[in-house]
Amino acid sequence: MESGSRATRKTVAAAPLTTGSLWKVIWTMSWPLVLTTVAGSLTGAVDIQVAGSLGSTAQAAVGLSEQILFVLMVFVMSVSIGTTAVVSRSFGAGAVEESVHATSQSLVLAIGLGIVLSVMTLLTAQFILPCFTAPGGSGLAPSASAEMLRQGRLYLSIFGVFLVPFSIVTITNAAFRAIGDARTPMVVVAVSAAICITGDILTVRCGWPVAGLGVRGIAFSAITGSTVASIIVLWRLSCSPLKGALKQLCPISWSMIKRIVRIGVPSAAQKLSYSAAVFVLFFILSHCPSPVQAIASWTIGIRVEGILFMPLIALSMAVSSIVGQNLGARQPLRAFQAGWNVTWIGVVMMVVFGTMLFFGAEPLARLMSHDPKAIEYTASYLRINALAEPFLAFAMILSGALQGAGDTRSPMWISIFCNWIIRLPILWLLALKLSLGPTGAWIAMTISITIMGLLVIWRYQSGEWLKVRV
């Protein structure tokens, strides 16, 4: 009996999300994921803040490089969405073996993607990054352009290694969330964040263990944190209800991989479309007055804002698992109600956070930069985007519910429409043609987010997503 008790204690708990109080289920899933996403966002914010101590050029280089990295990471994150949809639906239906099988094949995808994306990062540093830092065409002075390219290449050439452990952590955490275990991802990401933040401070600010690493120190810190996190998450997987996944990596099941990829592809297209739109935004900002500061202000603004809307990502991930499990258990009404319950939590939070962001814009901008022009642009970004935060809550959380049901196409088309048909034309008009500069860009962003929120509400309320087959 004693040995059996010890074995039980070693097993990672999974939470059934299909029974009991819906509010309790939401709380159980949400609070660990809020802490998880806040930790991840703090890491990004510290990266940018520490890069700022190296100057606006380094800050802009890190921001641009991380946007390029995001384009590559979307493939991993999209697989994780497919993993959550398939594993949660199977787990909710009581088909644990199918959940294990889906997890194993997701891990195969994670490892393969991580390797391929690492190579692509090296190629991107050499052949793609110069397209966004070329003098004249980018609106940058030759000296600033050359320095941004140099620092961006340094950062990307090292950071590529990060993508292998990142892939393993992201997809394994998705499987944990799908079975109702939100605490394991919290622990894993918290450890990674602590290592990254400590590493940033030690390598860049303190010059330890080697002085003069610059942006390379930020990249090395990320690799170290992610590697440790991948070891922890695989160990936890070996103690969970999904532990059989580690023994089923071979042979490869192409049918299961296709199933996961089919769900994830629209999400990848959505994120790629968004990333492409951001590059157009960079191009427009590079033709505004003080282009380096304009790009740096977007980098700072999205990081500061990200700390506030990270809880929305957490709520989106939580509702995705809840909806998936309840649809698997054939409880569509409970799944539908869960979406709205979680959404209203997010809306109230963002009304409060948006108010704080609006009135605290300038102090936050001064905390993140020492360049007067960058501070001015950043404060403008934060004030204007604060107005759209409640609509961002509608868009992000209800999209998470749709994705948990396997409906990844609707969020994709809504995102593409709002970014390319609404945001970019208005942005070009206001920023360049009407000479509003970065302020015009921020106004366009706010308009597009508002419309996106309304369209996602319309899709969710229609109930058509309940008919999607996973």
Protein backbone atom coordinates (compact mmCIF):
# COMPACT_ATOMS: atom_id res chain seq x y z
CA MET A 1 0.00 0.00 0.00
CA GLU A 2 2.82 2.40 0.84
CA SER A 3 4.54 1.89 -2.51
CA GLY A 4 1.23 2.35 -4.29
CA SER A 5 0.67 5.61 -2.42
CA ARG A 6 4.10 6.86 -3.46
CA ALA A 7 3.36 6.01 -7.08
CA THR A 8 0.12 7.94 -6.86
CA ARG A 9 1.91 10.97 -5.49
CA LYS A 10 4.32 10.92 -8.41
CA THR A 11 1.53 10.95 -10.96
CA VAL A 12 0.67 14.32 -12.49
CA ALA A 13 -3.01 14.99 -11.94
CA ALA A 14 -5.45 15.53 -14.79
CA ALA A 15 -8.69 17.41 -14.19
CA PRO A 16 -12.01 16.37 -15.76
CA LEU A 17 -13.50 19.59 -17.13
CA THR A 18 -16.89 18.06 -17.95
CA THR A 19 -18.44 17.78 -14.48
CA GLY A 20 -19.12 19.96 -11.46
CA SER A 21 -19.37 23.72 -11.23
CA LEU A 22 -18.41 25.42 -14.47
CA TRP A 23 -17.06 28.41 -12.58
CA LYS A 24 -14.82 26.12 -10.50
CA VAL A 25 -13.54 24.48 -13.67
CA ILE A 26 -12.79 27.89 -15.18
CA TRP A 27 -10.94 28.95 -12.03
CA THR A 28 -8.94 25.70 -11.87
CA MET A 29 -7.74 26.13 -15.44
CA SER A 30 -7.39 29.90 -15.57
CA TRP A 31 -5.29 31.03 -12.62
CA PRO A 32 -2.25 28.84 -13.39
CA LEU A 33 -2.40 29.81 -17.05
CA VAL A 34 -2.61 33.51 -16.17
CA LEU A 35 0.59 33.17 -14.16
CA THR A 36 2.11 31.14 -17.00
CA THR A 37 1.46 33.76 -19.66
CA VAL A 38 2.45 36.66 -17.41
CA ALA A 39 5.78 34.94 -16.78
CA GLY A 40 6.30 34.49 -20.51
CA SER A 41 5.38 38.09 -21.22
CA LEU A 42 7.68 39.40 -18.49
CA THR A 43 10.53 37.55 -20.17
CA GLY A 44 9.84 39.33 -23.46
CA ALA A 45 9.48 42.69 -21.73
CA VAL A 46 12.78 42.25 -19.90
CA ASP A 47 14.45 41.26 -23.19
CA ILE A 48 13.36 44.57 -24.73
CA GLN A 49 14.10 46.63 -21.62
CA VAL A 50 17.59 45.16 -21.29
CA ALA A 51 18.18 45.64 -25.02
CA GLY A 52 17.19 49.28 -24.50
CA SER A 53 20.21 49.70 -22.22
CA LEU A 54 22.29 48.95 -25.32
CA GLY A 55 20.55 51.74 -27.28
CA SER A 56 17.49 52.21 -29.51
CA THR A 57 19.23 50.47 -32.43
CA ALA A 58 19.74 47.28 -30.39
CA GLN A 59 16.19 47.54 -29.10
CA ALA A 60 14.80 47.86 -32.62
CA ALA A 61 17.04 44.98 -33.81
CA VAL A 62 15.76 42.66 -31.09
CA GLY A 63 12.17 43.66 -31.78
CA LEU A 64 12.52 43.06 -35.52
CA SER A 65 14.39 39.77 -34.98
CA GLU A 66 11.77 38.49 -32.57
CA GLN A 67 9.04 39.32 -35.04
CA ILE A 68 10.88 37.22 -37.62
CA LEU A 69 11.23 34.45 -35.03
CA PHE A 70 7.51 34.69 -34.34
CA VAL A 71 6.85 33.89 -38.00
CA LEU A 72 8.80 30.65 -37.55
CA MET A 73 7.27 29.87 -34.16
CA VAL A 74 3.72 30.03 -35.53
CA PHE A 75 4.13 26.58 -37.02
CA VAL A 76 4.88 25.13 -33.59
CA MET A 77 2.07 27.09 -31.93
CA SER A 78 -0.35 25.93 -34.62
CA VAL A 79 0.55 22.29 -34.01
CA SER A 80 -0.11 22.95 -30.31
CA ILE A 81 -3.63 24.15 -31.19
CA GLY A 82 -4.24 20.95 -33.12
CA THR A 83 -2.85 18.99 -30.18
CA THR A 84 -5.19 20.69 -27.72
CA ALA A 85 -8.25 20.15 -29.92
CA VAL A 86 -7.59 16.44 -30.54
CA VAL A 87 -6.30 15.50 -27.07
CA SER A 88 -9.03 17.40 -25.18
CA ARG A 89 -11.82 15.99 -27.35
CA SER A 90 -10.50 12.43 -26.89
CA PHE A 91 -9.88 12.87 -23.17
CA GLY A 92 -13.36 14.31 -22.64
CA ALA A 93 -14.84 11.30 -24.43
CA GLY A 94 -12.88 8.94 -22.16
CA ALA A 95 -10.60 7.74 -24.99
CA VAL A 96 -7.34 8.06 -23.04
CA GLU A 97 -5.35 5.86 -25.43
CA GLU A 98 -6.26 8.13 -28.33
CA SER A 99 -5.12 11.12 -26.25
CA VAL A 100 -1.79 9.39 -25.61
CA HIS A 101 -1.39 8.59 -29.31
CA ALA A 102 -2.14 12.18 -30.33
CA THR A 103 0.40 13.47 -27.79
CA SER A 104 3.12 11.14 -29.09
CA GLN A 105 2.65 12.22 -32.69
CA SER A 106 2.56 15.86 -31.66
CA LEU A 107 5.96 15.36 -30.04
CA VAL A 108 7.27 13.86 -33.28
CA LEU A 109 6.09 16.99 -35.05
CA ALA A 110 7.65 19.17 -32.36
CA ILE A 111 11.10 17.66 -32.73
CA GLY A 112 11.02 17.73 -36.53
CA LEU A 113 9.72 21.30 -36.66
CA GLY A 114 12.27 22.49 -34.12
CA ILE A 115 15.18 21.22 -36.20
CA VAL A 116 13.84 22.58 -39.48
CA LEU A 117 13.04 25.99 -37.97
CA SER A 118 16.51 26.27 -36.42
CA VAL A 119 18.05 25.92 -39.87
CA MET A 120 15.56 28.41 -41.29
CA THR A 121 16.54 30.94 -38.62
CA LEU A 122 20.15 30.83 -39.74
CA LEU A 123 19.11 31.33 -43.36
CA THR A 124 16.79 34.17 -42.35
CA ALA A 125 19.63 35.98 -40.57
CA GLN A 126 21.69 35.93 -43.74
CA PHE A 127 19.14 36.49 -46.50
CA ILE A 128 15.87 37.88 -45.09
CA LEU A 129 16.88 40.28 -42.34
CA PRO A 130 18.77 42.62 -44.76
CA CYS A 131 15.49 43.25 -46.59
CA PHE A 132 14.14 45.04 -43.51
CA THR A 133 17.28 46.92 -42.56
CA ALA A 134 18.55 48.14 -45.94
CA PRO A 135 19.38 51.87 -45.97
CA GLY A 136 17.22 54.09 -48.11
CA GLY A 137 14.55 51.48 -48.84
CA SER A 138 13.82 51.10 -45.15
CA GLY A 139 13.98 54.80 -44.42
CA LEU A 140 16.98 54.29 -42.10
CA ALA A 141 20.28 56.13 -42.26
CA PRO A 142 23.13 53.91 -43.57
CA SER A 143 24.94 53.81 -40.21
CA ALA A 144 21.79 52.92 -38.25
CA SER A 145 20.84 50.35 -40.87
CA ALA A 146 24.24 48.64 -40.77
CA GLU A 147 24.24 48.50 -36.98
CA MET A 148 20.68 47.12 -36.80
CA LEU A 149 21.61 44.43 -39.35
CA ARG A 150 24.76 43.49 -37.45
CA GLN A 151 22.99 43.14 -34.12
CA GLY A 152 19.99 41.38 -35.64
CA ARG A 153 22.26 38.79 -37.26
CA LEU A 154 24.12 38.20 -34.01
CA TYR A 155 20.84 37.67 -32.19
CA LEU A 156 19.22 35.37 -34.77
CA SER A 157 22.30 33.25 -35.45
CA ILE A 158 22.38 32.19 -31.78
CA PHE A 159 18.66 32.19 -31.08
CA GLY A 160 17.96 29.53 -33.73
CA VAL A 161 19.04 26.79 -31.31
CA PHE A 162 16.23 27.89 -28.98
CA LEU A 163 13.55 26.60 -31.35
CA VAL A 164 14.13 22.88 -30.66
CA PRO A 165 13.48 22.95 -26.88
CA PHE A 166 10.83 25.63 -27.44
CA SER A 167 8.91 23.26 -29.72
CA ILE A 168 9.03 20.43 -27.21
CA VAL A 169 7.88 22.65 -24.34
CA THR A 170 5.07 24.34 -26.30
CA ILE A 171 3.48 21.17 -27.64
CA THR A 172 3.86 19.12 -24.46
CA ASN A 173 2.33 21.95 -22.44
CA ALA A 174 -0.60 21.97 -24.89
CA ALA A 175 -1.20 18.28 -24.15
CA PHE A 176 -1.13 18.95 -20.41
CA ARG A 177 -3.69 21.73 -20.77
CA ALA A 178 -5.89 19.48 -22.89
CA ILE A 179 -6.22 16.94 -20.07
CA GLY A 180 -6.99 19.67 -17.54
CA ASP A 181 -3.53 20.06 -16.02
CA ALA A 182 -2.70 23.77 -16.08
CA ARG A 183 -0.23 23.69 -13.20
CA THR A 184 2.54 21.79 -14.97
CA PRO A 185 2.80 24.40 -17.78
CA MET A 186 2.86 27.09 -15.07
CA VAL A 187 5.84 25.50 -13.31
CA VAL A 188 7.71 24.83 -16.54
CA VAL A 189 7.30 28.35 -17.92
CA ALA A 190 8.05 29.96 -14.54
CA VAL A 191 11.40 28.13 -14.34
CA SER A 192 12.24 29.09 -17.92
CA ALA A 193 11.29 32.74 -17.30
CA ALA A 194 13.36 32.95 -14.11
CA ILE A 195 16.43 31.63 -15.92
CA CYS A 196 15.93 33.94 -18.91
CA ILE A 197 15.39 37.08 -16.85
CA THR A 198 18.31 36.33 -14.53
CA GLY A 199 20.47 35.57 -17.55
CA ASP A 200 19.54 38.85 -19.27
CA ILE A 201 20.54 40.86 -16.22
CA LEU A 202 23.75 38.95 -15.59
CA THR A 203 25.03 38.81 -19.16
CA VAL A 204 24.02 42.27 -20.40
CA ARG A 205 23.86 44.53 -17.37
CA CYS A 206 26.49 42.85 -15.17
CA GLY A 207 28.77 41.58 -17.91
CA TRP A 208 28.95 38.08 -16.38
CA PRO A 209 30.40 35.61 -17.18
CA VAL A 210 31.81 37.43 -20.22
CA ALA A 211 31.70 41.19 -20.71
CA GLY A 212 30.44 42.74 -23.93
CA LEU A 213 28.03 39.99 -25.02
CA GLY A 214 25.31 42.55 -25.85
CA VAL A 215 22.29 41.03 -27.60
CA ARG A 216 24.07 37.67 -27.62
CA GLY A 217 23.59 37.49 -23.86
CA ILE A 218 19.82 37.75 -24.31
CA ALA A 219 19.86 34.92 -26.85
CA PHE A 220 22.06 32.66 -24.67
CA SER A 221 19.74 33.23 -21.71
CA ALA A 222 16.71 32.18 -23.75
CA ILE A 223 18.41 28.98 -24.92
CA THR A 224 19.42 28.04 -21.38
CA GLY A 225 15.95 28.65 -19.95
CA SER A 226 14.17 26.76 -22.70
CA THR A 227 16.52 23.77 -22.51
CA VAL A 228 15.98 23.38 -18.77
CA ALA A 229 12.22 23.74 -19.30
CA SER A 230 12.18 20.99 -21.95
CA ILE A 231 13.90 18.57 -19.55
CA ILE A 232 11.36 19.35 -16.81
CA VAL A 233 8.32 19.04 -19.08
CA LEU A 234 9.38 15.65 -20.45
CA TRP A 235 10.00 14.40 -16.94
CA ARG A 236 6.53 15.53 -15.91
CA LEU A 237 5.06 13.87 -18.99
CA SER A 238 6.61 10.56 -17.89
CA CYS A 239 4.61 10.83 -14.64
CA SER A 240 1.28 11.80 -16.22
CA PRO A 241 -1.73 9.95 -17.66
CA LEU A 242 -0.07 10.61 -21.05
CA LYS A 243 3.22 8.91 -20.13
CA GLY A 244 2.70 6.26 -22.80
CA ALA A 245 3.33 8.95 -25.42
CA LEU A 246 7.08 8.70 -24.86
CA LYS A 247 6.96 5.02 -25.93
CA GLN A 248 4.84 5.63 -29.04
CA LEU A 249 7.06 8.08 -30.94
CA CYS A 250 7.77 5.31 -33.43
CA PRO A 251 6.37 4.23 -35.79
CA ILE A 252 5.03 7.52 -37.08
CA SER A 253 1.26 7.62 -37.55
CA TRP A 254 0.70 9.76 -40.62
CA SER A 255 -3.07 9.67 -40.19
CA MET A 256 -2.86 11.22 -36.70
CA ILE A 257 -0.28 13.76 -37.84
CA LYS A 258 -2.53 14.79 -40.72
CA ARG A 259 -5.43 15.14 -38.29
CA ILE A 260 -3.46 17.44 -36.02
CA VAL A 261 -1.99 19.42 -38.91
CA ARG A 262 -5.40 19.83 -40.58
CA ILE A 263 -6.66 21.64 -37.49
CA GLY A 264 -3.47 23.62 -37.02
CA VAL A 265 -2.91 24.84 -40.60
CA PRO A 266 -5.61 27.58 -40.53
CA SER A 267 -4.16 28.83 -37.26
CA ALA A 268 -0.71 28.95 -38.88
CA ALA A 269 -2.16 30.87 -41.81
CA GLN A 270 -3.81 33.30 -39.39
CA LYS A 271 -0.57 33.95 -37.50
CA LEU A 272 1.48 34.21 -40.68
CA SER A 273 -0.99 36.69 -42.08
CA TYR A 274 -0.70 38.74 -38.90
CA SER A 275 3.10 38.59 -39.01
CA ALA A 276 3.17 39.66 -42.64
CA ALA A 277 0.92 42.57 -41.72
CA VAL A 278 3.36 43.54 -38.96
CA PHE A 279 6.20 43.62 -41.49
CA VAL A 280 4.13 46.00 -43.61
CA LEU A 281 3.61 48.03 -40.44
CA PHE A 282 7.39 48.09 -39.94
CA PHE A 283 7.83 49.25 -43.52
CA ILE A 284 5.35 52.11 -43.04
CA LEU A 285 6.89 53.10 -39.69
CA SER A 286 10.32 53.16 -41.34
CA HIS A 287 9.02 55.96 -43.60
CA CYS A 288 7.73 58.03 -40.69
CA PRO A 289 9.80 60.73 -38.97
CA SER A 290 12.44 59.22 -36.61
CA PRO A 291 12.03 55.69 -38.02
CA VAL A 292 14.31 53.88 -35.54
CA GLN A 293 12.38 55.37 -32.63
CA ALA A 294 9.07 54.60 -34.34
CA ILE A 295 9.97 50.91 -34.74
CA ALA A 296 11.41 50.79 -31.23
CA SER A 297 8.20 52.32 -29.84
CA TRP A 298 6.10 49.58 -31.46
CA THR A 299 8.47 46.99 -29.96
CA ILE A 300 8.19 48.56 -26.51
CA GLY A 301 4.45 49.18 -26.77
CA ILE A 302 3.51 45.67 -27.79
CA ARG A 303 5.63 44.28 -24.93
CA VAL A 304 4.12 46.57 -22.29
CA GLU A 305 0.62 45.99 -23.61
CA GLY A 306 1.41 42.29 -23.77
CA ILE A 307 1.89 42.10 -20.01
CA LEU A 308 -1.71 43.26 -19.66
CA PHE A 309 -3.29 41.07 -22.34
CA MET A 310 -1.33 37.94 -21.39
CA PRO A 311 -4.23 36.98 -19.11
CA LEU A 312 -6.39 36.94 -22.26
CA ILE A 313 -4.08 34.37 -23.81
CA ALA A 314 -4.37 32.35 -20.59
CA LEU A 315 -8.16 32.54 -20.64
CA SER A 316 -8.15 31.65 -24.34
CA MET A 317 -6.06 28.54 -23.67
CA ALA A 318 -8.23 27.60 -20.69
CA VAL A 319 -11.51 27.88 -22.57
CA SER A 320 -10.06 25.94 -25.49
CA SER A 321 -9.47 22.89 -23.28
CA ILE A 322 -12.82 23.26 -21.51
CA VAL A 323 -14.75 23.50 -24.78
CA GLY A 324 -12.83 20.60 -26.31
CA GLN A 325 -13.42 18.24 -23.40
CA ASN A 326 -17.11 19.11 -23.10
CA LEU A 327 -17.73 18.62 -26.79
CA GLY A 328 -15.96 15.27 -26.50
CA ALA A 329 -18.32 14.43 -23.62
CA ARG A 330 -21.28 15.52 -25.81
CA GLN A 331 -22.21 18.51 -23.67
CA PRO A 332 -22.46 21.32 -26.26
CA LEU A 333 -24.52 23.65 -24.07
CA ARG A 334 -21.95 23.50 -21.28
CA ALA A 335 -19.22 24.17 -23.86
CA PHE A 336 -21.14 27.16 -25.25
CA GLN A 337 -21.75 28.64 -21.81
CA ALA A 338 -18.11 28.17 -20.83
CA GLY A 339 -17.06 30.38 -23.74
CA TRP A 340 -19.21 33.28 -22.60
CA ASN A 341 -18.38 32.89 -18.90
CA VAL A 342 -14.66 33.07 -19.56
CA THR A 343 -15.09 35.93 -22.05
CA TRP A 344 -16.89 38.19 -19.58
CA ILE A 345 -14.08 37.63 -17.08
CA GLY A 346 -11.64 38.81 -19.71
CA VAL A 347 -13.70 41.83 -20.71
CA VAL A 348 -13.95 43.09 -17.12
CA MET A 349 -10.21 42.57 -16.65
CA MET A 350 -9.38 44.50 -19.80
CA VAL A 351 -11.61 47.43 -18.88
CA VAL A 352 -9.59 47.75 -15.67
CA PHE A 353 -6.22 47.12 -17.32
CA GLY A 354 -7.04 49.40 -20.24
CA THR A 355 -7.81 52.23 -17.84
CA MET A 356 -4.50 51.67 -16.06
CA LEU A 357 -2.68 51.57 -19.38
CA PHE A 358 -4.26 54.82 -20.56
CA PHE A 359 -3.37 56.85 -17.48
CA GLY A 360 0.00 55.20 -16.89
CA ALA A 361 1.21 55.42 -20.48
CA GLU A 362 3.99 57.96 -20.05
CA PRO A 363 5.55 56.51 -16.87
CA LEU A 364 5.58 53.07 -18.49
CA ALA A 365 7.17 54.48 -21.63
CA ARG A 366 9.89 56.20 -19.59
CA LEU A 367 10.59 52.96 -17.76
CA MET A 368 11.25 51.14 -21.04
CA SER A 369 13.33 53.72 -22.92
CA HIS A 370 15.62 56.71 -22.43
CA ASP A 371 15.12 58.14 -25.91
CA PRO A 372 12.71 61.16 -25.77
CA LYS A 373 11.19 60.46 -29.19
CA ALA A 374 10.74 56.76 -28.45
CA ILE A 375 9.05 57.70 -25.16
CA GLU A 376 6.66 60.06 -26.97
CA TYR A 377 5.71 57.46 -29.57
CA THR A 378 5.37 54.68 -26.99
CA ALA A 379 3.09 56.72 -24.74
CA SER A 380 0.89 57.47 -27.76
CA TYR A 381 0.77 53.75 -28.62
CA LEU A 382 -0.30 52.78 -25.11
CA ARG A 383 -3.02 55.44 -24.76
CA ILE A 384 -4.65 54.77 -28.12
CA ASN A 385 -4.51 50.97 -27.95
CA ALA A 386 -5.91 51.01 -24.41
CA LEU A 387 -9.27 52.01 -25.90
CA ALA A 388 -9.61 48.71 -27.79
CA GLU A 389 -8.67 46.33 -24.96
CA PRO A 390 -12.25 45.12 -24.20
CA PHE A 391 -12.75 44.20 -27.88
CA LEU A 392 -9.40 42.42 -27.82
CA ALA A 393 -10.82 40.30 -24.99
CA PHE A 394 -13.83 39.30 -27.10
CA ALA A 395 -11.63 38.45 -30.07
CA MET A 396 -8.98 36.44 -28.25
CA ILE A 397 -11.09 34.42 -25.81
CA LEU A 398 -13.94 33.53 -28.14
CA SER A 399 -11.38 32.62 -30.83
CA GLY A 400 -9.82 30.26 -28.29
CA ALA A 401 -13.21 28.64 -27.75
CA LEU A 402 -13.67 28.23 -31.50
CA GLN A 403 -10.22 26.67 -31.84
CA GLY A 404 -10.91 24.26 -28.98
CA ALA A 405 -13.90 23.07 -30.98
CA GLY A 406 -11.67 22.57 -34.01
CA ASP A 407 -13.05 25.62 -35.84
CA THR A 408 -9.76 27.27 -36.76
CA ARG A 409 -10.90 28.55 -40.15
CA SER A 410 -13.29 31.22 -38.87
CA PRO A 411 -10.70 33.04 -36.70
CA MET A 412 -8.29 32.81 -39.63
CA TRP A 413 -10.58 34.56 -42.12
CA ILE A 414 -11.67 37.17 -39.59
CA SER A 415 -8.04 37.97 -38.75
CA ILE A 416 -6.99 38.20 -42.40
CA PHE A 417 -9.91 40.51 -43.19
CA CYS A 418 -9.29 42.82 -40.23
CA ASN A 419 -5.53 43.06 -40.75
CA TRP A 420 -5.31 43.36 -44.53
CA ILE A 421 -8.63 44.92 -45.56
CA ILE A 422 -9.16 47.16 -42.52
CA ARG A 423 -5.91 47.83 -40.65
CA LEU A 424 -3.22 48.29 -43.29
CA PRO A 425 -5.11 50.55 -45.73
CA ILE A 426 -6.23 52.82 -42.88
CA LEU A 427 -2.73 52.72 -41.40
CA TRP A 428 -1.12 53.77 -44.68
CA LEU A 429 -3.68 56.55 -45.13
CA LEU A 430 -3.35 58.00 -41.64
CA ALA A 431 0.38 57.50 -41.04
CA LEU A 432 1.75 58.59 -44.43
CA LYS A 433 -0.88 60.31 -46.55
CA LEU A 434 -2.36 62.36 -43.70
CA SER A 435 1.07 62.70 -42.05
CA LEU A 436 -0.05 61.50 -38.62
CA GLY A 437 3.03 59.28 -38.34
CA PRO A 438 3.06 56.54 -35.69
CA THR A 439 -0.08 58.00 -34.08
CA GLY A 440 -2.00 57.22 -37.26
CA ALA A 441 -0.68 53.66 -37.13
CA TRP A 442 -1.92 53.22 -33.55
CA ILE A 443 -5.37 54.57 -34.50
CA ALA A 444 -5.63 52.06 -37.35
CA MET A 445 -4.71 49.23 -34.98
CA THR A 446 -7.45 50.24 -32.57
CA ILE A 447 -10.10 50.38 -35.31
CA SER A 448 -9.18 46.93 -36.66
CA ILE A 449 -9.19 45.30 -33.21
CA THR A 450 -12.65 46.68 -32.49
CA ILE A 451 -14.04 45.28 -35.74
CA MET A 452 -12.31 41.95 -35.12
CA GLY A 453 -13.96 41.61 -31.72
CA LEU A 454 -17.41 42.24 -33.17
CA LEU A 455 -16.94 39.69 -35.97
CA VAL A 456 -15.75 36.96 -33.58
CA ILE A 457 -18.80 37.59 -31.36
CA TRP A 458 -21.02 37.13 -34.42
CA ARG A 459 -19.36 33.81 -35.36
CA TYR A 460 -19.48 32.41 -31.83
CA GLN A 461 -23.08 33.38 -31.22
CA SER A 462 -24.13 31.69 -34.48
CA GLY A 463 -23.34 28.27 -32.97
CA GLU A 464 -22.15 26.92 -36.32
CA TRP A 465 -18.82 25.94 -34.76
CA LEU A 466 -20.61 23.28 -32.68
CA LYS A 467 -21.02 21.26 -35.89
CA VAL A 468 -17.29 21.13 -36.72
CA ARG A 469 -15.79 17.63 -36.65
CA VAL A 470 -12.30 17.08 -35.23
